[in-house]
């Protein structure tokens, strides 16, 4: 089953129809659906998809030879043949095109480059001459973000400047995730998004299960579950000192958001911690935030940018002994369920952020969007606004939004607090107040030209 990725497919098909030589770089974290996208794009086109393996040069040459010979002679022919080198194999791919539009994909390019040190230089020559002259449609794909950005897209790479387009595939947002579960309630759709983070492979583990609890226990809260060790695989794929990164991610998941707090929790110097944080940001696991309208490093906070990792480090990593004792169901009932409203509050903020940015009818073009925090002169305490969206057309206009994922309705007091915080922020005078609520709104709270009330159900319409 293939769901979503309409924009990415449209981009690839548009380039294919141009009938020009192409080199598209496709990359993204493990499990995000790169291979599925490649297969969907290639299913009705003359194509060869070569998936490199984590092995030696002979292993990869043998696999590339197999797919080339399979395309040339068919599945029924048992041909035990292997090209002597990568250049010969790539030239054979060109000969198969025979003047026709032809797609050649190298999936998991980092494995090929690891097994054949000259692979990137050979690819450079191939792209410059054979592939270009044959008008091939090339896709180079990989899961190692660091390799794809530094070894393929950066100026240091032998193939730098050869790409004709790139796609960084990211997890689905909350609405795209909901397409996988059309019969579920809005609350259950949100919870699945909050657990899986919109990663296709993780969502597949929730398909066909009797309940969200059943899927979570089976896939995540079991030492034999498909996703139980997934964070370890993700970290080992990209990083050294994975145990230290475990500690950093746990510290952030537990609510430590300032660099000094994280370093203290982990037990390392702040300067050293900064380097680890940059590595995690490059992978998309965490993000750095400053208040909207400010770039002060003194106000910088760090948050997990991956809900699956947030869920795992908050509810699984610290309770590994419970999981090992096969008490995943009890862990879900006694530890996770009582804390779900608090946890889903962070998820709901991201959903509202995406709603404002992608799906809502906004009265202006958005220049900047994010959170705001700072001092409240009225009380002398810290104030925080969940979402602030600033206009690109009028610097004195913007949206202030509050998000509440709780089992009671929002009331006029919440609106009064938003207005007070808006005064403390001092960024915009013409304000639109948007209120997002899981449980709806009290009768006293009414929509107006500058007040919008948005329920969880409405966010999915």
Protein backbone atom coordinates (compact mmCIF):
# COMPACT_ATOMS: atom_id res chain seq x y z
CA UNK A 1 0.00 0.00 0.00
CA UNK A 2 1.39 3.39 -1.05
CA UNK A 3 -0.06 6.48 0.64
CA UNK A 4 0.89 10.13 0.26
CA UNK A 5 4.04 11.68 -1.23
CA UNK A 6 1.93 13.33 -3.96
CA UNK A 7 4.22 16.34 -4.22
CA UNK A 8 7.38 14.25 -4.46
CA UNK A 9 5.86 11.95 -7.08
CA UNK A 10 4.63 14.92 -9.10
CA UNK A 11 8.13 16.43 -9.02
CA UNK A 12 9.76 13.19 -10.22
CA UNK A 13 7.18 12.60 -12.95
CA UNK A 14 7.46 16.18 -14.19
CA UNK A 15 11.23 15.80 -14.50
CA UNK A 16 10.77 12.43 -16.20
CA UNK A 17 8.45 13.92 -18.82
CA UNK A 18 11.01 16.62 -19.66
CA UNK A 19 13.05 13.89 -21.34
CA UNK A 20 16.38 15.38 -20.23
CA UNK A 21 19.27 13.76 -18.42
CA UNK A 22 18.58 14.00 -14.69
CA UNK A 23 20.41 13.28 -11.45
CA UNK A 24 18.02 13.50 -8.51
CA UNK A 25 19.39 13.20 -4.97
CA UNK A 26 16.87 11.56 -2.64
CA UNK A 27 17.69 11.24 1.03
CA UNK A 28 16.17 11.05 4.49
CA UNK A 29 16.35 9.10 7.72
CA UNK A 30 15.81 5.36 7.89
CA UNK A 31 12.23 4.11 7.54
CA UNK A 32 10.92 7.36 6.06
CA UNK A 33 9.79 5.73 2.79
CA UNK A 34 12.54 6.43 0.24
CA UNK A 35 12.49 2.95 -1.27
CA UNK A 36 8.68 2.94 -1.40
CA UNK A 37 8.74 6.27 -3.26
CA UNK A 38 11.33 4.96 -5.72
CA UNK A 39 9.30 1.80 -6.35
CA UNK A 40 6.10 3.78 -6.87
CA UNK A 41 7.79 6.15 -9.30
CA UNK A 42 9.43 3.34 -11.26
CA UNK A 43 6.53 0.87 -11.38
CA UNK A 44 5.35 1.85 -14.88
CA UNK A 45 8.71 2.92 -16.34
CA UNK A 46 11.71 1.13 -17.88
CA UNK A 47 14.00 1.05 -14.86
CA UNK A 48 16.64 -0.69 -12.80
CA UNK A 49 16.69 -0.29 -9.03
CA UNK A 50 19.94 -1.32 -7.42
CA UNK A 51 19.96 -1.45 -3.62
CA UNK A 52 23.50 -1.44 -2.30
CA UNK A 53 24.26 -3.65 0.69
CA UNK A 54 26.46 -3.19 3.73
CA UNK A 55 29.17 -5.53 2.52
CA UNK A 56 32.33 -5.58 0.43
CA UNK A 57 32.94 -4.58 -3.18
CA UNK A 58 32.30 -8.10 -4.47
CA UNK A 59 28.91 -8.23 -2.74
CA UNK A 60 27.77 -4.98 -4.31
CA UNK A 61 29.14 -5.74 -7.76
CA UNK A 62 27.40 -9.11 -7.65
CA UNK A 63 24.07 -7.50 -6.70
CA UNK A 64 24.37 -4.78 -9.34
CA UNK A 65 25.28 -7.43 -11.92
CA UNK A 66 22.25 -9.48 -10.89
CA UNK A 67 19.73 -6.66 -11.39
CA UNK A 68 21.30 -5.65 -14.73
CA UNK A 69 21.25 -9.22 -16.04
CA UNK A 70 17.74 -9.75 -14.65
CA UNK A 71 16.49 -6.73 -16.59
CA UNK A 72 18.30 -7.82 -19.76
CA UNK A 73 17.43 -11.51 -19.78
CA UNK A 74 14.42 -11.86 -17.47
CA UNK A 75 13.79 -13.56 -14.15
CA UNK A 76 13.80 -17.09 -15.55
CA UNK A 77 17.45 -17.06 -16.60
CA UNK A 78 20.02 -18.29 -14.11
CA UNK A 79 23.06 -16.24 -15.07
CA UNK A 80 25.96 -16.38 -12.64
CA UNK A 81 27.89 -13.39 -13.94
CA UNK A 82 29.50 -10.45 -12.21
CA UNK A 83 31.07 -7.33 -13.66
CA UNK A 84 34.73 -6.90 -12.80
CA UNK A 85 34.36 -3.28 -11.70
CA UNK A 86 31.78 -0.55 -11.11
CA UNK A 87 32.57 1.36 -14.31
CA UNK A 88 31.78 -1.69 -16.47
CA UNK A 89 28.49 -2.25 -14.64
CA UNK A 90 27.40 1.37 -15.07
CA UNK A 91 28.27 1.30 -18.77
CA UNK A 92 26.10 -1.80 -19.13
CA UNK A 93 23.19 0.14 -17.64
CA UNK A 94 23.63 2.77 -20.36
CA UNK A 95 23.53 0.13 -23.06
CA UNK A 96 20.19 -1.12 -21.74
CA UNK A 97 18.62 2.30 -22.24
CA UNK A 98 19.16 1.95 -26.00
CA UNK A 99 17.98 5.48 -26.72
CA UNK A 100 14.81 5.17 -24.62
CA UNK A 101 13.84 7.10 -21.49
CA UNK A 102 15.34 4.97 -18.73
CA UNK A 103 15.51 5.26 -14.94
CA UNK A 104 18.49 3.99 -12.96
CA UNK A 105 18.32 4.16 -9.15
CA UNK A 106 21.11 3.50 -6.69
CA UNK A 107 19.46 3.03 -3.32
CA UNK A 108 21.61 3.21 -0.16
CA UNK A 109 24.46 4.91 -2.00
CA UNK A 110 26.49 5.26 1.26
CA UNK A 111 26.90 1.46 1.41
CA UNK A 112 28.25 1.41 -2.15
CA UNK A 113 30.70 4.23 -1.40
CA UNK A 114 31.84 2.46 1.76
CA UNK A 115 32.55 -0.79 -0.05
CA UNK A 116 34.16 0.76 -3.16
CA UNK A 117 36.39 3.74 -2.22
CA UNK A 118 36.49 5.00 -5.82
CA UNK A 119 32.71 4.79 -6.28
CA UNK A 120 32.00 8.53 -6.09
CA UNK A 121 34.74 9.39 -8.59
CA UNK A 122 33.47 6.68 -10.95
CA UNK A 123 29.96 8.09 -10.56
CA UNK A 124 31.26 11.57 -11.38
CA UNK A 125 32.66 10.39 -14.71
CA UNK A 126 29.52 8.36 -15.41
CA UNK A 127 27.24 11.34 -14.80
CA UNK A 128 29.39 13.69 -16.86
CA UNK A 129 29.62 11.47 -19.91
CA UNK A 130 27.78 8.15 -20.30
CA UNK A 131 24.61 9.01 -18.35
CA UNK A 132 24.38 12.52 -19.81
CA UNK A 133 24.84 11.35 -23.39
CA UNK A 134 22.29 8.56 -22.90
CA UNK A 135 19.77 10.93 -21.28
CA UNK A 136 19.42 8.68 -18.24
CA UNK A 137 17.17 9.55 -15.31
CA UNK A 138 19.42 8.86 -12.30
CA UNK A 139 18.27 8.71 -8.67
CA UNK A 140 20.93 8.54 -5.95
CA UNK A 141 19.36 7.68 -2.62
CA UNK A 142 20.63 7.19 0.92
CA UNK A 143 19.61 7.02 4.58
CA UNK A 144 22.82 8.40 6.07
CA UNK A 145 21.99 12.09 6.19
CA UNK A 146 25.54 13.05 7.09
CA UNK A 147 26.95 11.19 4.07
CA UNK A 148 24.32 12.47 1.64
CA UNK A 149 24.79 16.08 2.71
CA UNK A 150 28.58 16.01 3.06
CA UNK A 151 29.60 13.27 0.62
CA UNK A 152 27.08 14.00 -2.16
CA UNK A 153 25.65 17.52 -1.90
CA UNK A 154 28.62 19.44 -0.48
CA UNK A 155 31.39 21.11 -2.49
CA UNK A 156 33.83 18.43 -1.28
CA UNK A 157 31.97 15.69 -3.12
CA UNK A 158 33.21 14.42 -6.51
CA UNK A 159 29.60 14.60 -7.78
CA UNK A 160 29.03 18.15 -6.54
CA UNK A 161 27.24 20.23 -9.17
CA UNK A 162 25.91 17.18 -11.05
CA UNK A 163 22.51 17.06 -9.34
CA UNK A 164 19.52 18.45 -11.22
CA UNK A 165 17.24 18.32 -8.18
CA UNK A 166 17.00 16.94 -4.68
CA UNK A 167 14.35 15.66 -2.30
CA UNK A 168 14.92 15.45 1.43
CA UNK A 169 12.16 13.08 2.46
CA UNK A 170 10.74 13.87 5.88
CA UNK A 171 8.11 12.10 8.01
CA UNK A 172 4.45 12.78 7.33
CA UNK A 173 2.73 15.60 9.18
CA UNK A 174 -0.36 14.95 11.29
CA UNK A 175 -2.85 15.17 8.40
CA UNK A 176 -0.79 12.97 6.10
CA UNK A 177 -0.46 10.45 8.94
CA UNK A 178 -4.25 10.43 9.29
CA UNK A 179 -4.60 9.19 5.69
CA UNK A 180 -3.25 5.85 6.92
CA UNK A 181 -6.05 5.54 9.50
CA UNK A 182 -9.20 7.00 7.88
CA UNK A 183 -11.68 5.24 10.21
CA UNK A 184 -10.02 6.36 13.45
CA UNK A 185 -11.30 9.18 15.65
CA UNK A 186 -9.45 12.51 15.61
CA UNK A 187 -8.06 11.78 19.07
CA UNK A 188 -6.70 8.37 18.02
CA UNK A 189 -5.21 9.83 14.83
CA UNK A 190 -3.43 12.44 16.92
CA UNK A 191 -2.13 9.80 19.34
CA UNK A 192 -0.75 7.63 16.55
CA UNK A 193 1.01 10.68 15.14
CA UNK A 194 2.37 11.45 18.61
CA UNK A 195 3.80 7.94 18.96
CA UNK A 196 5.08 7.26 15.42
CA UNK A 197 6.09 10.79 14.46
CA UNK A 198 4.62 10.20 10.99
CA UNK A 199 7.34 7.72 9.95
CA UNK A 200 5.77 5.25 7.46
CA UNK A 201 7.51 2.11 8.71
CA UNK A 202 6.42 2.85 12.27
CA UNK A 203 2.84 3.50 11.17
CA UNK A 204 2.75 0.17 9.36
CA UNK A 205 3.22 -1.49 12.75
CA UNK A 206 -0.08 0.08 13.86
CA UNK A 207 -2.11 -1.11 10.87
CA UNK A 208 -4.43 -4.03 11.54
CA UNK A 209 -3.98 -3.98 15.33
CA UNK A 210 -7.03 -4.15 17.61
CA UNK A 211 -6.09 -0.94 19.45
CA UNK A 212 -3.36 1.67 19.81
CA UNK A 213 -2.40 0.11 23.12
CA UNK A 214 -2.07 -3.32 21.51
CA UNK A 215 0.14 -1.95 18.71
CA UNK A 216 2.30 0.04 21.12
CA UNK A 217 2.83 -2.89 23.47
CA UNK A 218 3.54 -5.30 20.65
CA UNK A 219 5.89 -3.09 18.61
CA UNK A 220 7.54 -0.78 21.17
CA UNK A 221 7.00 -2.06 24.72
CA UNK A 222 8.34 -5.54 24.02
CA UNK A 223 12.04 -6.44 23.86
CA UNK A 224 11.16 -8.51 20.76
CA UNK A 225 9.13 -5.70 19.18
CA UNK A 226 10.09 -4.35 15.77
CA UNK A 227 10.57 -0.82 17.10
CA UNK A 228 11.97 -1.48 20.57
CA UNK A 229 15.62 -1.10 19.52
CA UNK A 230 14.97 1.35 16.68
CA UNK A 231 16.53 4.44 18.38
CA UNK A 232 19.75 2.51 18.96
CA UNK A 233 19.88 1.58 15.28
CA UNK A 234 19.27 5.21 14.28
CA UNK A 235 22.08 6.50 16.49
CA UNK A 236 24.59 3.80 15.57
CA UNK A 237 23.92 4.41 11.87
CA UNK A 238 25.08 8.01 12.11
CA UNK A 239 26.98 8.64 15.33
CA UNK A 240 29.77 7.45 17.58
CA UNK A 241 29.37 7.46 21.37
CA UNK A 242 25.72 6.44 21.04
CA UNK A 243 25.39 6.01 24.82
CA UNK A 244 26.20 9.69 25.35
CA UNK A 245 23.63 10.67 22.74
CA UNK A 246 21.13 8.43 24.55
CA UNK A 247 21.72 10.47 27.70
CA UNK A 248 21.33 13.78 25.87
CA UNK A 249 18.07 12.76 24.22
CA UNK A 250 16.75 11.45 27.54
CA UNK A 251 17.60 14.74 29.25
CA UNK A 252 15.71 16.72 26.60
CA UNK A 253 12.75 14.33 26.66
CA UNK A 254 12.50 14.86 30.41
CA UNK A 255 12.16 18.62 29.96
CA UNK A 256 15.72 19.96 30.15
CA UNK A 257 15.75 22.51 27.34
CA UNK A 258 18.71 24.82 27.98
CA UNK A 259 22.22 23.79 26.95
CA UNK A 260 23.58 24.25 30.47
CA UNK A 261 20.78 22.06 31.91
CA UNK A 262 21.38 19.33 29.35
CA UNK A 263 25.16 19.36 29.88
CA UNK A 264 24.72 19.21 33.66
CA UNK A 265 22.24 16.34 33.41
CA UNK A 266 24.57 14.36 31.14
CA UNK A 267 27.72 15.26 33.09
CA UNK A 268 29.81 16.97 30.43
CA UNK A 269 31.08 20.52 29.84
CA UNK A 270 28.74 22.92 28.07
CA UNK A 271 31.24 23.51 25.26
CA UNK A 272 31.56 19.80 24.57
CA UNK A 273 27.79 19.35 24.73
CA UNK A 274 27.34 21.98 22.04
CA UNK A 275 29.14 19.79 19.47
CA UNK A 276 26.88 16.84 20.26
CA UNK A 277 23.80 19.04 19.93
CA UNK A 278 24.88 20.18 16.46
CA UNK A 279 25.21 16.56 15.35
CA UNK A 280 21.70 15.76 16.59
CA UNK A 281 20.29 18.86 14.90
CA UNK A 282 21.89 17.90 11.58
CA UNK A 283 20.08 14.57 11.78
CA UNK A 284 16.73 16.24 12.49
CA UNK A 285 16.42 14.61 15.92
CA UNK A 286 16.37 17.90 17.84
CA UNK A 287 15.81 21.54 16.97
CA UNK A 288 17.10 24.80 18.37
CA UNK A 289 14.56 27.50 19.18
CA UNK A 290 14.73 31.20 19.86
CA UNK A 291 11.65 33.30 20.60
CA UNK A 292 9.96 34.62 17.47
CA UNK A 293 11.44 38.01 16.66
CA UNK A 294 14.67 37.31 18.56
CA UNK A 295 17.98 35.65 17.76
CA UNK A 296 19.56 35.99 21.20
CA UNK A 297 21.68 32.95 22.03
CA UNK A 298 20.93 33.56 25.72
CA UNK A 299 17.30 32.58 25.07
CA UNK A 300 18.05 29.47 23.01
CA UNK A 301 16.15 26.30 23.92
CA UNK A 302 16.39 22.77 22.55
CA UNK A 303 13.48 20.43 21.91
CA UNK A 304 13.14 16.98 20.42
CA UNK A 305 12.01 17.26 16.81
CA UNK A 306 11.06 13.59 16.45
CA UNK A 307 7.99 12.36 18.29
CA UNK A 308 8.91 8.69 18.08
CA UNK A 309 12.20 9.45 19.82
CA UNK A 310 10.43 11.69 22.32
CA UNK A 311 7.98 8.90 23.16
CA UNK A 312 10.73 6.27 23.37
CA UNK A 313 13.12 8.28 25.55
CA UNK A 314 10.34 9.46 27.83
CA UNK A 315 8.46 6.20 28.31
CA UNK A 316 10.65 3.29 27.17
CA UNK A 317 14.36 3.98 27.70
CA UNK A 318 14.06 4.56 31.45
CA UNK A 319 11.80 1.53 31.88
CA UNK A 320 13.81 -1.07 29.97
CA UNK A 321 13.75 -3.42 32.96
CA UNK A 322 9.94 -3.32 32.94
CA UNK A 323 9.93 -4.14 29.23
CA UNK A 324 12.44 -6.96 29.81
CA UNK A 325 10.13 -8.46 32.42
CA UNK A 326 7.35 -8.61 29.80
CA UNK A 327 5.13 -6.09 31.54
CA UNK A 328 4.65 -3.78 28.58
CA UNK A 329 0.87 -3.68 29.00
CA UNK A 330 1.21 -2.60 32.64
CA UNK A 331 3.79 0.01 31.64
CA UNK A 332 1.30 1.43 29.15
CA UNK A 333 -1.58 1.53 31.67
CA UNK A 334 0.30 2.73 34.75
CA UNK A 335 3.05 4.97 33.38
CA UNK A 336 2.08 6.13 29.89
CA UNK A 337 -1.70 6.67 30.08
CA UNK A 338 -1.60 8.97 33.16
CA UNK A 339 0.98 11.16 31.38
CA UNK A 340 -0.49 11.15 27.89
CA UNK A 341 -2.31 14.50 28.14
CA UNK A 342 0.94 16.23 29.14
CA UNK A 343 2.91 14.42 26.44
CA UNK A 344 0.30 15.10 23.76
CA UNK A 345 0.39 18.79 24.66
CA UNK A 346 3.75 19.05 22.87
CA UNK A 347 2.40 17.04 19.93
CA UNK A 348 -0.71 19.21 19.74
CA UNK A 349 1.43 22.34 19.51
CA UNK A 350 3.22 20.88 16.47
CA UNK A 351 -0.10 19.93 14.91
CA UNK A 352 -1.39 23.48 15.39
CA UNK A 353 1.86 24.85 13.96
CA UNK A 354 1.43 22.75 10.81
CA UNK A 355 -2.24 23.68 10.61
CA UNK A 356 -1.41 27.40 10.62
CA UNK A 357 1.50 27.01 8.22
CA UNK A 358 -0.01 24.55 5.72
CA UNK A 359 -3.76 24.15 5.99
CA UNK A 360 -5.48 27.19 7.51
CA UNK A 361 -6.89 30.21 5.70
CA UNK A 362 -4.40 32.75 7.05
CA UNK A 363 -5.14 36.47 6.49
CA UNK A 364 -1.57 37.20 5.36
CA UNK A 365 1.64 35.65 4.04
CA UNK A 366 3.65 34.20 6.93
CA UNK A 367 7.16 35.58 7.32
CA UNK A 368 8.09 33.82 10.55
CA UNK A 369 6.36 31.30 12.81
CA UNK A 370 7.34 29.71 16.10
CA UNK A 371 7.00 30.06 19.86
CA UNK A 372 7.64 33.12 21.99
CA UNK A 373 8.72 33.38 25.61
CA UNK A 374 9.94 36.22 27.76
CA UNK A 375 9.22 38.37 30.79
CA UNK A 376 5.71 39.60 31.61
CA UNK A 377 6.01 43.13 33.06
CA UNK A 378 2.53 42.87 34.56
CA UNK A 379 3.37 39.92 36.82
CA UNK A 380 7.17 39.82 36.74
CA UNK A 381 6.96 36.17 35.70
CA UNK A 382 7.89 34.30 32.55
CA UNK A 383 5.26 34.32 29.80
CA UNK A 384 5.00 31.85 26.91
CA UNK A 385 2.93 31.89 23.71
CA UNK A 386 2.52 28.54 21.96
CA UNK A 387 2.49 29.90 18.40
CA UNK A 388 3.23 33.32 16.94
CA UNK A 389 2.97 33.88 13.17
CA UNK A 390 4.23 37.20 11.82
CA UNK A 391 3.02 38.80 8.60
CA UNK A 392 5.37 39.24 5.65
CA UNK A 393 3.20 42.08 4.35
CA UNK A 394 2.65 44.12 7.49
CA UNK A 395 5.32 43.91 10.22
CA UNK A 396 2.75 45.07 12.78
CA UNK A 397 0.31 42.19 12.12
CA UNK A 398 0.29 38.59 13.31
CA UNK A 399 -1.41 35.57 14.86
CA UNK A 400 -1.13 34.60 18.51
CA UNK A 401 -2.25 31.06 19.24
CA UNK A 402 -2.83 29.01 22.37
CA UNK A 403 -3.03 25.19 22.26
CA UNK A 404 -4.63 23.10 24.99
CA UNK A 405 -4.79 19.30 24.84
CA UNK A 406 -6.85 18.61 27.95
CA UNK A 407 -10.21 17.20 28.99
CA UNK A 408 -11.90 20.52 29.69
CA UNK A 409 -13.06 23.35 27.52
CA UNK A 410 -11.16 26.58 27.00
CA UNK A 411 -12.81 29.65 28.51
CA UNK A 412 -12.58 33.48 28.25
CA UNK A 413 -9.85 33.55 30.91
CA UNK A 414 -7.53 31.84 28.44
CA UNK A 415 -8.26 34.56 25.88
CA UNK A 416 -7.55 37.27 28.46
CA UNK A 417 -4.22 35.60 29.23
CA UNK A 418 -3.33 35.51 25.51
CA UNK A 419 -4.01 39.24 25.26
CA UNK A 420 -1.85 39.89 28.31
CA UNK A 421 0.99 37.82 26.86
CA UNK A 422 0.58 39.62 23.53
CA UNK A 423 1.13 42.93 25.34
CA UNK A 424 4.23 41.48 27.01
CA UNK A 425 5.61 40.32 23.66
CA UNK A 426 5.38 43.85 22.14
CA UNK A 427 5.92 42.60 18.58
CA UNK A 428 2.58 43.26 16.89
CA UNK A 429 -0.37 45.55 17.47
CA UNK A 430 -2.89 44.05 15.03
CA UNK A 431 -3.42 40.59 16.51
CA UNK A 432 -5.54 37.61 15.51
CA UNK A 433 -6.18 35.30 18.45
CA UNK A 434 -6.42 31.63 17.48
CA UNK A 435 -7.35 29.08 20.12
CA UNK A 436 -6.80 25.35 19.60
CA UNK A 437 -8.63 22.99 21.94
CA UNK A 438 -8.98 19.22 22.09
CA UNK A 439 -12.21 19.46 24.12
CA UNK A 440 -13.85 22.53 22.61
CA UNK A 441 -14.84 25.86 24.14
CA UNK A 442 -17.16 27.21 26.80
CA UNK A 443 -20.38 28.93 25.73
CA UNK A 444 -19.04 32.27 26.96
CA UNK A 445 -16.17 32.15 24.47
CA UNK A 446 -17.36 33.35 21.06
CA UNK A 447 -15.58 33.63 17.71
CA UNK A 448 -15.10 37.10 16.21
CA UNK A 449 -13.22 38.78 13.37
CA UNK A 450 -10.03 38.63 15.41
CA UNK A 451 -10.82 35.45 17.38
CA UNK A 452 -10.82 31.97 15.88
CA UNK A 453 -11.78 28.83 17.82
CA UNK A 454 -10.41 25.59 16.37
CA UNK A 455 -11.23 22.10 17.61
CA UNK A 456 -9.23 18.93 17.08
CA UNK A 457 -11.88 17.65 14.67
CA UNK A 458 -11.67 20.85 12.61
CA UNK A 459 -7.91 20.43 12.26
CA UNK A 460 -8.56 17.18 10.37
CA UNK A 461 -11.20 18.56 8.00
